[in-house]
Amino acid sequence: MKLTLQTTQEDHRIAWLAALAIAIHIAESVLPTPIPGAKPGLANIITIICLMQYGWRTAVWVSLLRVLVGSLLIGTFLSPTFALSLAGASASIAVLGLASRLPGIEFGAVGYSLLAAMAHMAAQFFTAWLFFIPHEGLLRLLPVLMSMAVFFGLTSGIIAHQIIVRIKAGR
């Protein structure tokens, strides 16, 4: 008896978008950072595009595949880095899910990106606080990290918006 798997167009879309997000995630992992944990989060552009073009379910798959496969390829799976990345991605996806379901409110790419970046950073910070560095000195970094989340969230949102405009123009 031969078992065959049937893939859908959505499966192919998720695989392609996840591969793109993973490639960006890996490229970003080699960038130097002035503060530990302060990365631009450019792979989250793909998550925002997924949310706005294909819905929350696709965004969840792409985001979680990026964290899992990216950590396996980089060699950080089950490390503190993986825990921080998974916490941030989970929080941002949860916030995006809630925000996208608010009746009568449309955030747009910039709004969604800003919410996701802030949720991501807050979750990473509190995960670091609870499990790795429960020291009051860490609290001094929170305003800087959240400010960076706002900056990078706005930047990613603007980029995501421009890509979505171009995608819609090409249809």
Protein backbone atom coordinates (compact mmCIF):
# COMPACT_ATOMS: atom_id res chain seq x y z
CA MET A 1 0.00 0.00 0.00
CA LYS A 2 1.44 3.34 -1.07
CA LEU A 3 0.83 6.41 1.08
CA THR A 4 0.72 9.69 -0.78
CA LEU A 5 0.45 13.12 0.73
CA GLN A 6 -1.66 15.69 -0.97
CA THR A 7 -0.32 19.20 -0.69
CA THR A 8 -2.41 22.24 -1.29
CA GLN A 9 -1.59 25.60 -2.78
CA GLU A 10 -1.66 26.97 0.78
CA ASP A 11 0.95 24.39 1.85
CA HIS A 12 3.22 25.53 -0.96
CA ARG A 13 2.63 29.19 -0.07
CA ILE A 14 3.47 28.56 3.60
CA ALA A 15 6.62 26.62 2.63
CA TRP A 16 7.81 29.37 0.29
CA LEU A 17 7.10 32.19 2.74
CA ALA A 18 8.64 30.25 5.64
CA ALA A 19 11.76 29.62 3.55
CA LEU A 20 12.00 33.34 2.82
CA ALA A 21 11.55 34.22 6.51
CA ILE A 22 14.14 31.58 7.52
CA ALA A 23 16.67 32.95 5.03
CA ILE A 24 16.20 36.47 6.42
CA HIS A 25 16.38 35.11 10.01
CA ILE A 26 19.68 33.34 9.27
CA ALA A 27 21.16 36.36 7.49
CA GLU A 28 20.15 38.58 10.40
CA SER A 29 21.74 36.22 12.95
CA VAL A 30 25.22 37.19 11.79
CA LEU A 31 24.67 40.93 12.20
CA PRO A 32 26.52 42.50 15.14
CA THR A 33 24.32 44.04 17.83
CA PRO A 34 25.09 46.87 20.23
CA ILE A 35 22.84 45.34 22.90
CA PRO A 36 22.18 41.60 23.33
CA GLY A 37 18.76 40.75 21.94
CA ALA A 38 18.46 43.92 19.88
CA LYS A 39 17.99 42.68 16.31
CA PRO A 40 15.99 44.48 13.63
CA GLY A 41 13.59 41.53 13.24
CA LEU A 42 13.41 41.83 9.48
CA ALA A 43 11.94 38.32 9.14
CA ASN A 44 8.85 39.70 10.88
CA ILE A 45 8.14 41.67 7.70
CA ILE A 46 7.16 38.35 6.17
CA THR A 47 4.85 37.60 9.12
CA ILE A 48 3.05 40.93 8.68
CA ILE A 49 2.67 40.36 4.95
CA CYS A 50 1.31 36.86 5.63
CA LEU A 51 -1.19 38.23 8.13
CA MET A 52 -2.48 40.90 5.80
CA GLN A 53 -2.44 38.90 2.57
CA TYR A 54 -3.30 35.36 3.68
CA GLY A 55 -4.62 35.55 7.24
CA TRP A 56 -3.56 34.76 10.77
CA ARG A 57 -3.29 30.98 10.32
CA THR A 58 -0.67 31.36 7.59
CA ALA A 59 1.19 33.95 9.66
CA VAL A 60 1.32 31.52 12.60
CA TRP A 61 2.74 28.71 10.47
CA VAL A 62 5.36 30.94 8.87
CA SER A 63 6.43 32.50 12.16
CA LEU A 64 6.73 29.23 14.07
CA LEU A 65 8.47 27.44 11.20
CA ARG A 66 10.94 30.33 11.01
CA VAL A 67 11.80 30.01 14.70
CA LEU A 68 12.03 26.21 14.68
CA VAL A 69 13.87 25.64 11.40
CA GLY A 70 15.99 28.77 11.79
CA SER A 71 17.19 27.60 15.21
CA LEU A 72 17.96 24.13 13.86
CA LEU A 73 20.01 25.58 10.99
CA ILE A 74 21.83 28.15 13.14
CA GLY A 75 22.46 25.62 15.91
CA THR A 76 20.52 27.33 18.69
CA PHE A 77 17.65 24.82 19.03
CA LEU A 78 16.66 24.36 22.70
CA SER A 79 19.17 27.01 23.79
CA PRO A 80 18.35 30.24 25.64
CA THR A 81 18.37 31.99 22.27
CA PHE A 82 15.71 29.59 21.01
CA ALA A 83 13.61 30.11 24.16
CA LEU A 84 13.77 33.88 23.72
CA SER A 85 12.96 33.68 20.02
CA LEU A 86 10.02 31.32 20.59
CA ALA A 87 8.65 33.47 23.41
CA GLY A 88 8.87 36.59 21.25
CA ALA A 89 7.32 34.97 18.20
CA SER A 90 4.51 33.41 20.26
CA ALA A 91 3.67 36.73 21.92
CA SER A 92 3.73 38.66 18.66
CA ILE A 93 1.51 36.09 16.94
CA ALA A 94 -0.91 36.16 19.88
CA VAL A 95 -1.10 39.96 19.78
CA LEU A 96 -1.54 39.95 16.00
CA GLY A 97 -4.33 37.40 16.36
CA LEU A 98 -6.13 39.57 18.89
CA ALA A 99 -5.57 42.81 16.98
CA SER A 100 -6.75 41.35 13.68
CA ARG A 101 -10.01 40.26 15.28
CA LEU A 102 -10.96 43.56 16.90
CA PRO A 103 -14.27 44.63 15.39
CA GLY A 104 -14.16 47.81 13.34
CA ILE A 105 -10.41 48.36 13.72
CA GLU A 106 -7.86 47.91 10.94
CA PHE A 107 -4.28 48.53 12.03
CA GLY A 108 -2.51 48.31 8.68
CA ALA A 109 1.01 46.99 8.20
CA VAL A 110 2.67 49.67 10.32
CA GLY A 111 0.24 49.25 13.22
CA TYR A 112 0.46 45.46 13.17
CA SER A 113 4.23 45.58 12.93
CA LEU A 114 4.50 47.99 15.84
CA LEU A 115 2.23 45.83 18.02
CA ALA A 116 4.13 42.68 17.06
CA ALA A 117 7.56 44.22 17.71
CA MET A 118 6.55 45.51 21.14
CA ALA A 119 4.95 42.19 22.12
CA HIS A 120 8.01 40.32 20.82
CA MET A 121 10.44 42.45 22.83
CA ALA A 122 8.31 42.41 25.99
CA ALA A 123 8.03 38.60 25.87
CA GLN A 124 11.76 38.21 25.28
CA PHE A 125 12.54 40.57 28.12
CA PHE A 126 10.27 38.83 30.61
CA THR A 127 11.49 35.39 29.51
CA ALA A 128 15.08 36.55 30.09
CA TRP A 129 14.07 37.99 33.46
CA LEU A 130 12.22 34.88 34.63
CA PHE A 131 14.59 32.18 33.41
CA PHE A 132 18.04 33.59 32.74
CA ILE A 133 18.84 36.95 34.36
CA PRO A 134 16.55 37.70 37.32
CA HIS A 135 18.52 40.79 38.26
CA GLU A 136 17.16 44.29 38.82
CA GLY A 137 19.90 45.71 36.62
CA LEU A 138 18.15 44.14 33.63
CA LEU A 139 15.25 46.53 34.18
CA ARG A 140 17.51 49.41 33.12
CA LEU A 141 17.61 47.92 29.63
CA LEU A 142 13.83 47.70 29.24
CA PRO A 143 13.24 51.32 28.08
CA VAL A 144 16.09 51.06 25.58
CA LEU A 145 14.89 47.69 24.27
CA MET A 146 11.28 48.85 23.96
CA SER A 147 12.42 52.01 22.18
CA MET A 148 14.36 49.86 19.75
CA ALA A 149 11.26 47.68 19.29
CA VAL A 150 9.25 50.78 18.38
CA PHE A 151 11.89 51.95 15.90
CA PHE A 152 12.36 48.54 14.26
CA GLY A 153 8.61 47.85 14.35
CA LEU A 154 7.88 51.10 12.52
CA THR A 155 10.67 50.43 10.02
CA SER A 156 9.49 46.86 9.34
CA GLY A 157 5.90 48.04 9.06
CA ILE A 158 6.79 50.64 6.46
CA ILE A 159 8.73 48.05 4.46
CA ALA A 160 5.86 45.53 4.75
CA HIS A 161 3.38 48.20 3.65
CA GLN A 162 5.45 49.04 0.58
CA ILE A 163 5.73 45.35 -0.37
CA ILE A 164 1.97 44.85 0.05
CA VAL A 165 1.27 47.90 -2.14
CA ARG A 166 3.53 46.45 -4.84
CA ILE A 167 1.95 42.99 -4.53
CA LYS A 168 -1.52 44.48 -4.96
CA ALA A 169 -0.39 46.60 -7.90
CA GLY A 170 0.98 43.50 -9.63
CA ARG A 171 -2.29 41.59 -9.41
